[in-house]
Amino acid sequence: ASSLPSLSNRISFLRIPRIVFFIGKHFGTGVILSTAFVHLLQDAFHALNHPAVLARWHIANYTGLVVYVPPSLLC
């Protein structure tokens, strides 16, 4: 399965339409990024709820917003 894109260049009946390859590539990228986000989410909540951070910034009620908005702006 991983060699299919390179084989499709050489064998005509295995050709993958460009739009399918484009969508698959970006779907895979989204899966990787969302997995990283989910695995770092607990650490981000823990770090943003640290007493030193809360004493300076007062963001306890907005921790989820602070964690979620910057990655979503990249999209």
PDB file of N, CA and C in Angstrom:
ATOM      1  N   ALA A   1       0.828  -1.205   0.000  1.00  0.00           N
ATOM      2  CA  ALA A   1       0.000   0.000   0.000  1.00  0.00           C
ATOM      3  C   ALA A   1       0.865   1.258   0.000  1.00  0.00           C
ATOM      4  N   SER A   2       1.988   1.222   0.700  1.00  0.00           N
ATOM      5  CA  SER A   2       2.827   2.421   0.754  1.00  0.00           C
ATOM      6  C   SER A   2       3.582   2.661  -0.547  1.00  0.00           C
ATOM      7  N   SER A   3       3.774   1.625  -1.354  1.00  0.00           N
ATOM      8  CA  SER A   3       4.476   1.805  -2.626  1.00  0.00           C
ATOM      9  C   SER A   3       3.519   2.088  -3.779  1.00  0.00           C
ATOM     10  N   LEU A   4       2.202   2.086  -3.529  1.00  0.00           N
ATOM     11  CA  LEU A   4       1.234   2.323  -4.602  1.00  0.00           C
ATOM     12  C   LEU A   4       1.424   3.669  -5.297  1.00  0.00           C
ATOM     13  N   PRO A   5       1.670   4.778  -4.580  1.00  0.00           N
ATOM     14  CA  PRO A   5       1.879   6.038  -5.304  1.00  0.00           C
ATOM     15  C   PRO A   5       3.073   6.003  -6.256  1.00  0.00           C
ATOM     16  N   SER A   6       4.155   5.344  -5.861  1.00  0.00           N
ATOM     17  CA  SER A   6       5.302   5.296  -6.772  1.00  0.00           C
ATOM     18  C   SER A   6       5.064   4.321  -7.918  1.00  0.00           C
ATOM     19  N   LEU A   7       4.329   3.241  -7.667  1.00  0.00           N
ATOM     20  CA  LEU A   7       3.998   2.311  -8.749  1.00  0.00           C
ATOM     21  C   LEU A   7       3.004   2.911  -9.729  1.00  0.00           C
ATOM     22  N   SER A   8       2.144   3.787  -9.242  1.00  0.00           N
ATOM     23  CA  SER A   8       1.129   4.361 -10.124  1.00  0.00           C
ATOM     24  C   SER A   8       1.746   5.262 -11.185  1.00  0.00           C
ATOM     25  N   ASN A   9       2.948   5.753 -10.955  1.00  0.00           N
ATOM     26  CA  ASN A   9       3.631   6.541 -11.978  1.00  0.00           C
ATOM     27  C   ASN A   9       4.130   5.665 -13.119  1.00  0.00           C
ATOM     28  N   ARG A  10       4.419   4.406 -12.838  1.00  0.00           N
ATOM     29  CA  ARG A  10       4.978   3.505 -13.845  1.00  0.00           C
ATOM     30  C   ARG A  10       3.930   2.636 -14.530  1.00  0.00           C
ATOM     31  N   ILE A  11       2.875   2.291 -13.831  1.00  0.00           N
ATOM     32  CA  ILE A  11       1.849   1.384 -14.364  1.00  0.00           C
ATOM     33  C   ILE A  11       0.568   2.189 -14.552  1.00  0.00           C
ATOM     34  N   SER A  12       0.097   2.229 -15.789  1.00  0.00           N
ATOM     35  CA  SER A  12      -1.010   3.137 -16.119  1.00  0.00           C
ATOM     36  C   SER A  12      -2.334   2.759 -15.461  1.00  0.00           C
ATOM     37  N   PHE A  13      -2.634   1.463 -15.282  1.00  0.00           N
ATOM     38  CA  PHE A  13      -3.932   1.105 -14.701  1.00  0.00           C
ATOM     39  C   PHE A  13      -3.972   1.306 -13.183  1.00  0.00           C
ATOM     40  N   LEU A  14      -2.841   1.603 -12.578  1.00  0.00           N
ATOM     41  CA  LEU A  14      -2.800   1.895 -11.142  1.00  0.00           C
ATOM     42  C   LEU A  14      -2.795   3.390 -10.846  1.00  0.00           C
ATOM     43  N   ARG A  15      -2.978   4.217 -11.818  1.00  0.00           N
ATOM     44  CA  ARG A  15      -2.905   5.677 -11.627  1.00  0.00           C
ATOM     45  C   ARG A  15      -3.947   6.148 -10.615  1.00  0.00           C
ATOM     46  N   ILE A  16      -3.473   6.984  -9.710  1.00  0.00           N
ATOM     47  CA  ILE A  16      -4.345   7.585  -8.700  1.00  0.00           C
ATOM     48  C   ILE A  16      -4.709   8.981  -9.198  1.00  0.00           C
ATOM     49  N   PRO A  17      -6.002   9.310  -9.232  1.00  0.00           N
ATOM     50  CA  PRO A  17      -6.366  10.677  -9.636  1.00  0.00           C
ATOM     51  C   PRO A  17      -5.726  11.699  -8.710  1.00  0.00           C
ATOM     52  N   ARG A  18      -5.336  12.835  -9.267  1.00  0.00           N
ATOM     53  CA  ARG A  18      -4.635  13.860  -8.490  1.00  0.00           C
ATOM     54  C   ARG A  18      -5.445  14.338  -7.288  1.00  0.00           C
ATOM     55  N   ILE A  19      -6.749  14.476  -7.456  1.00  0.00           N
ATOM     56  CA  ILE A  19      -7.576  14.985  -6.359  1.00  0.00           C
ATOM     57  C   ILE A  19      -7.630  13.979  -5.204  1.00  0.00           C
ATOM     58  N   VAL A  20      -7.650  12.692  -5.527  1.00  0.00           N
ATOM     59  CA  VAL A  20      -7.668  11.659  -4.477  1.00  0.00           C
ATOM     60  C   VAL A  20      -6.348  11.686  -3.700  1.00  0.00           C
ATOM     61  N   PHE A  21      -5.236  11.816  -4.410  1.00  0.00           N
ATOM     62  CA  PHE A  21      -3.941  11.891  -3.745  1.00  0.00           C
ATOM     63  C   PHE A  21      -3.842  13.157  -2.902  1.00  0.00           C
ATOM     64  N   PHE A  22      -4.335  14.268  -3.420  1.00  0.00           N
ATOM     65  CA  PHE A  22      -4.320  15.549  -2.695  1.00  0.00           C
ATOM     66  C   PHE A  22      -5.127  15.455  -1.404  1.00  0.00           C
ATOM     67  N   ILE A  23      -6.340  14.925  -1.494  1.00  0.00           N
ATOM     68  CA  ILE A  23      -7.208  14.799  -0.319  1.00  0.00           C
ATOM     69  C   ILE A  23      -6.607  13.825   0.689  1.00  0.00           C
ATOM     70  N   GLY A  24      -6.076  12.708   0.216  1.00  0.00           N
ATOM     71  CA  GLY A  24      -5.471  11.727   1.114  1.00  0.00           C
ATOM     72  C   GLY A  24      -4.266  12.272   1.842  1.00  0.00           C
ATOM     73  N   LYS A  25      -3.464  13.044   1.124  1.00  0.00           N
ATOM     74  CA  LYS A  25      -2.264  13.629   1.731  1.00  0.00           C
ATOM     75  C   LYS A  25      -2.645  14.611   2.841  1.00  0.00           C
ATOM     76  N   HIS A  26      -3.636  15.445   2.582  1.00  0.00           N
ATOM     77  CA  HIS A  26      -4.027  16.426   3.586  1.00  0.00           C
ATOM     78  C   HIS A  26      -4.823  15.798   4.729  1.00  0.00           C
ATOM     79  N   PHE A  27      -5.559  14.744   4.455  1.00  0.00           N
ATOM     80  CA  PHE A  27      -6.243  14.022   5.519  1.00  0.00           C
ATOM     81  C   PHE A  27      -5.218  13.397   6.468  1.00  0.00           C
ATOM     82  N   GLY A  28      -4.185  12.795   5.920  1.00  0.00           N
ATOM     83  CA  GLY A  28      -3.128  12.203   6.739  1.00  0.00           C
ATOM     84  C   GLY A  28      -2.415  13.239   7.588  1.00  0.00           C
ATOM     85  N   THR A  29      -2.176  14.408   7.006  1.00  0.00           N
ATOM     86  CA  THR A  29      -1.553  15.493   7.765  1.00  0.00           C
ATOM     87  C   THR A  29      -2.450  15.932   8.916  1.00  0.00           C
ATOM     88  N   GLY A  30      -3.744  16.014   8.674  1.00  0.00           N
ATOM     89  CA  GLY A  30      -4.693  16.378   9.725  1.00  0.00           C
ATOM     90  C   GLY A  30      -4.729  15.368  10.851  1.00  0.00           C
ATOM     91  N   VAL A  31      -4.639  14.096  10.500  1.00  0.00           N
ATOM     92  CA  VAL A  31      -4.626  13.042  11.525  1.00  0.00           C
ATOM     93  C   VAL A  31      -3.385  13.172  12.404  1.00  0.00           C
ATOM     94  N   ILE A  32      -2.240  13.419  11.791  1.00  0.00           N
ATOM     95  CA  ILE A  32      -0.999  13.563  12.557  1.00  0.00           C
ATOM     96  C   ILE A  32      -1.061  14.786  13.471  1.00  0.00           C
ATOM     97  N   LEU A  33      -1.530  15.909  12.953  1.00  0.00           N
ATOM     98  CA  LEU A  33      -1.610  17.123  13.759  1.00  0.00           C
ATOM     99  C   LEU A  33      -2.623  16.994  14.894  1.00  0.00           C
ATOM    100  N   SER A  34      -3.775  16.386  14.616  1.00  0.00           N
ATOM    101  CA  SER A  34      -4.777  16.248  15.675  1.00  0.00           C
ATOM    102  C   SER A  34      -4.321  15.271  16.749  1.00  0.00           C
ATOM    103  N   THR A  35      -3.579  14.241  16.375  1.00  0.00           N
ATOM    104  CA  THR A  35      -3.034  13.311  17.363  1.00  0.00           C
ATOM    105  C   THR A  35      -2.036  14.017  18.273  1.00  0.00           C
ATOM    106  N   ALA A  36      -1.186  14.824  17.692  1.00  0.00           N
ATOM    107  CA  ALA A  36      -0.229  15.589  18.493  1.00  0.00           C
ATOM    108  C   ALA A  36      -0.957  16.549  19.428  1.00  0.00           C
ATOM    109  N   PHE A  37      -1.986  17.213  18.923  1.00  0.00           N
ATOM    110  CA  PHE A  37      -2.743  18.158  19.740  1.00  0.00           C
ATOM    111  C   PHE A  37      -3.391  17.461  20.932  1.00  0.00           C
ATOM    112  N   VAL A  38      -4.004  16.317  20.693  1.00  0.00           N
ATOM    113  CA  VAL A  38      -4.692  15.593  21.765  1.00  0.00           C
ATOM    114  C   VAL A  38      -3.693  15.110  22.815  1.00  0.00           C
ATOM    115  N   HIS A  39      -2.519  14.672  22.376  1.00  0.00           N
ATOM    116  CA  HIS A  39      -1.541  14.180  23.343  1.00  0.00           C
ATOM    117  C   HIS A  39      -0.904  15.300  24.156  1.00  0.00           C
ATOM    118  N   LEU A  40      -0.867  16.496  23.639  1.00  0.00           N
ATOM    119  CA  LEU A  40      -0.284  17.623  24.373  1.00  0.00           C
ATOM    120  C   LEU A  40      -1.317  18.414  25.171  1.00  0.00           C
ATOM    121  N   LEU A  41      -2.583  18.127  24.981  1.00  0.00           N
ATOM    122  CA  LEU A  41      -3.650  18.896  25.609  1.00  0.00           C
ATOM    123  C   LEU A  41      -3.604  18.824  27.134  1.00  0.00           C
ATOM    124  N   GLN A  42      -3.414  17.650  27.686  1.00  0.00           N
ATOM    125  CA  GLN A  42      -3.384  17.512  29.147  1.00  0.00           C
ATOM    126  C   GLN A  42      -2.197  18.273  29.742  1.00  0.00           C
ATOM    127  N   ASP A  43      -1.042  18.198  29.094  1.00  0.00           N
ATOM    128  CA  ASP A  43       0.119  18.943  29.591  1.00  0.00           C
ATOM    129  C   ASP A  43      -0.121  20.447  29.521  1.00  0.00           C
ATOM    130  N   ALA A  44      -0.798  20.901  28.477  1.00  0.00           N
ATOM    131  CA  ALA A  44      -1.088  22.331  28.350  1.00  0.00           C
ATOM    132  C   ALA A  44      -2.036  22.789  29.459  1.00  0.00           C
ATOM    133  N   PHE A  45      -3.065  22.008  29.750  1.00  0.00           N
ATOM    134  CA  PHE A  45      -3.973  22.367  30.842  1.00  0.00           C
ATOM    135  C   PHE A  45      -3.232  22.401  32.172  1.00  0.00           C
ATOM    136  N   HIS A  46      -2.372  21.423  32.376  1.00  0.00           N
ATOM    137  CA  HIS A  46      -1.608  21.378  33.624  1.00  0.00           C
ATOM    138  C   HIS A  46      -0.691  22.604  33.742  1.00  0.00           C
ATOM    139  N   ALA A  47      -0.006  22.949  32.662  1.00  0.00           N
ATOM    140  CA  ALA A  47       0.935  24.074  32.711  1.00  0.00           C
ATOM    141  C   ALA A  47       0.209  25.407  32.856  1.00  0.00           C
ATOM    142  N   LEU A  48      -0.924  25.572  32.182  1.00  0.00           N
ATOM    143  CA  LEU A  48      -1.643  26.844  32.251  1.00  0.00           C
ATOM    144  C   LEU A  48      -2.412  27.024  33.552  1.00  0.00           C
ATOM    145  N   ASN A  49      -2.597  25.947  34.306  1.00  0.00           N
ATOM    146  CA  ASN A  49      -3.255  26.046  35.612  1.00  0.00           C
ATOM    147  C   ASN A  49      -2.251  26.061  36.758  1.00  0.00           C
ATOM    148  N   HIS A  50      -0.980  26.246  36.433  1.00  0.00           N
ATOM    149  CA  HIS A  50       0.060  26.348  37.461  1.00  0.00           C
ATOM    150  C   HIS A  50      -0.172  27.633  38.260  1.00  0.00           C
ATOM    151  N   PRO A  51       0.034  27.611  39.574  1.00  0.00           N
ATOM    152  CA  PRO A  51      -0.222  28.804  40.401  1.00  0.00           C
ATOM    153  C   PRO A  51       0.547  30.045  39.962  1.00  0.00           C
ATOM    154  N   ALA A  52       1.771  29.892  39.481  1.00  0.00           N
ATOM    155  CA  ALA A  52       2.548  31.054  39.042  1.00  0.00           C
ATOM    156  C   ALA A  52       1.927  31.700  37.804  1.00  0.00           C
ATOM    157  N   VAL A  53       1.404  30.885  36.911  1.00  0.00           N
ATOM    158  CA  VAL A  53       0.753  31.421  35.706  1.00  0.00           C
ATOM    159  C   VAL A  53      -0.570  32.073  36.080  1.00  0.00           C
ATOM    160  N   LEU A  54      -1.320  31.431  36.948  1.00  0.00           N
ATOM    161  CA  LEU A  54      -2.623  31.969  37.351  1.00  0.00           C
ATOM    162  C   LEU A  54      -2.480  33.286  38.112  1.00  0.00           C
ATOM    163  N   ALA A  55      -1.403  33.429  38.892  1.00  0.00           N
ATOM    164  CA  ALA A  55      -1.207  34.663  39.650  1.00  0.00           C
ATOM    165  C   ALA A  55      -0.928  35.842  38.723  1.00  0.00           C
ATOM    166  N   ARG A  56      -0.291  35.578  37.601  1.00  0.00           N
ATOM    167  CA  ARG A  56       0.071  36.670  36.693  1.00  0.00           C
ATOM    168  C   ARG A  56      -0.987  36.934  35.620  1.00  0.00           C
ATOM    169  N   TRP A  57      -1.607  35.883  35.066  1.00  0.00           N
ATOM    170  CA  TRP A  57      -2.462  36.061  33.888  1.00  0.00           C
ATOM    171  C   TRP A  57      -3.952  35.875  34.138  1.00  0.00           C
ATOM    172  N   HIS A  58      -4.381  35.197  35.174  1.00  0.00           N
ATOM    173  CA  HIS A  58      -5.813  34.993  35.491  1.00  0.00           C
ATOM    174  C   HIS A  58      -6.564  34.356  34.312  1.00  0.00           C
ATOM    175  N   ILE A  59      -6.080  33.235  33.838  1.00  0.00           N
ATOM    176  CA  ILE A  59      -6.704  32.583  32.677  1.00  0.00           C
ATOM    177  C   ILE A  59      -7.342  31.241  33.017  1.00  0.00           C
ATOM    178  N   ALA A  60      -7.649  30.990  34.263  1.00  0.00           N
ATOM    179  CA  ALA A  60      -8.159  29.682  34.668  1.00  0.00           C
ATOM    180  C   ALA A  60      -9.430  29.297  33.925  1.00  0.00           C
ATOM    181  N   ASN A  61     -10.322  30.243  33.704  1.00  0.00           N
ATOM    182  CA  ASN A  61     -11.581  29.933  33.027  1.00  0.00           C
ATOM    183  C   ASN A  61     -11.440  29.828  31.515  1.00  0.00           C
ATOM    184  N   TYR A  62     -10.320  30.286  30.968  1.00  0.00           N
ATOM    185  CA  TYR A  62     -10.140  30.333  29.515  1.00  0.00           C
ATOM    186  C   TYR A  62      -9.024  29.414  29.038  1.00  0.00           C
ATOM    187  N   THR A  63      -8.625  28.442  29.832  1.00  0.00           N
ATOM    188  CA  THR A  63      -7.514  27.569  29.468  1.00  0.00           C
ATOM    189  C   THR A  63      -7.783  26.837  28.165  1.00  0.00           C
ATOM    190  N   GLY A  64      -8.964  26.281  28.000  1.00  0.00           N
ATOM    191  CA  GLY A  64      -9.304  25.575  26.769  1.00  0.00           C
ATOM    192  C   GLY A  64      -9.264  26.480  25.562  1.00  0.00           C
ATOM    193  N   LEU A  65      -9.707  27.695  25.714  1.00  0.00           N
ATOM    194  CA  LEU A  65      -9.680  28.659  24.618  1.00  0.00           C
ATOM    195  C   LEU A  65      -8.245  29.020  24.246  1.00  0.00           C
ATOM    196  N   VAL A  66      -7.398  29.210  25.243  1.00  0.00           N
ATOM    197  CA  VAL A  66      -6.002  29.563  25.003  1.00  0.00           C
ATOM    198  C   VAL A  66      -5.287  28.409  24.285  1.00  0.00           C
ATOM    199  N   VAL A  67      -5.625  27.185  24.636  1.00  0.00           N
ATOM    200  CA  VAL A  67      -4.984  26.026  24.031  1.00  0.00           C
ATOM    201  C   VAL A  67      -5.514  25.776  22.626  1.00  0.00           C
ATOM    202  N   TYR A  68      -6.795  25.991  22.395  1.00  0.00           N
ATOM    203  CA  TYR A  68      -7.412  25.614  21.125  1.00  0.00           C
ATOM    204  C   TYR A  68      -7.277  26.659  20.023  1.00  0.00           C
ATOM    205  N   VAL A  69      -7.347  27.919  20.334  1.00  0.00           N
ATOM    206  CA  VAL A  69      -7.406  28.966  19.301  1.00  0.00           C
ATOM    207  C   VAL A  69      -6.134  29.080  18.457  1.00  0.00           C
ATOM    208  N   PRO A  70      -4.922  29.113  19.009  1.00  0.00           N
ATOM    209  CA  PRO A  70      -3.745  29.260  18.144  1.00  0.00           C
ATOM    210  C   PRO A  70      -3.613  28.184  17.060  1.00  0.00           C
ATOM    211  N   PRO A  71      -3.804  26.875  17.357  1.00  0.00           N
ATOM    212  CA  PRO A  71      -3.726  25.894  16.258  1.00  0.00           C
ATOM    213  C   PRO A  71      -4.843  26.054  15.232  1.00  0.00           C
ATOM    214  N   SER A  72      -6.017  26.459  15.683  1.00  0.00           N
ATOM    215  CA  SER A  72      -7.115  26.608  14.725  1.00  0.00           C
ATOM    216  C   SER A  72      -6.917  27.820  13.833  1.00  0.00           C
ATOM    217  N   LEU A  73      -6.157  28.815  14.278  1.00  0.00           N
ATOM    218  CA  LEU A  73      -5.856  29.956  13.419  1.00  0.00           C
ATOM    219  C   LEU A  73      -4.897  29.593  12.298  1.00  0.00           C
ATOM    220  N   LEU A  74      -4.107  28.552  12.507  1.00  0.00           N
ATOM    221  CA  LEU A  74      -3.188  28.086  11.468  1.00  0.00           C
ATOM    222  C   LEU A  74      -3.918  27.467  10.297  1.00  0.00           C
ATOM    223  N   CYS A  75      -5.094  26.925  10.573  1.00  0.00           N
ATOM    224  CA  CYS A  75      -5.864  26.283   9.498  1.00  0.00           C
ATOM    225  C   CYS A  75      -6.541  27.338   8.694  1.00  0.00           C
TER     226      CYS A  75
END
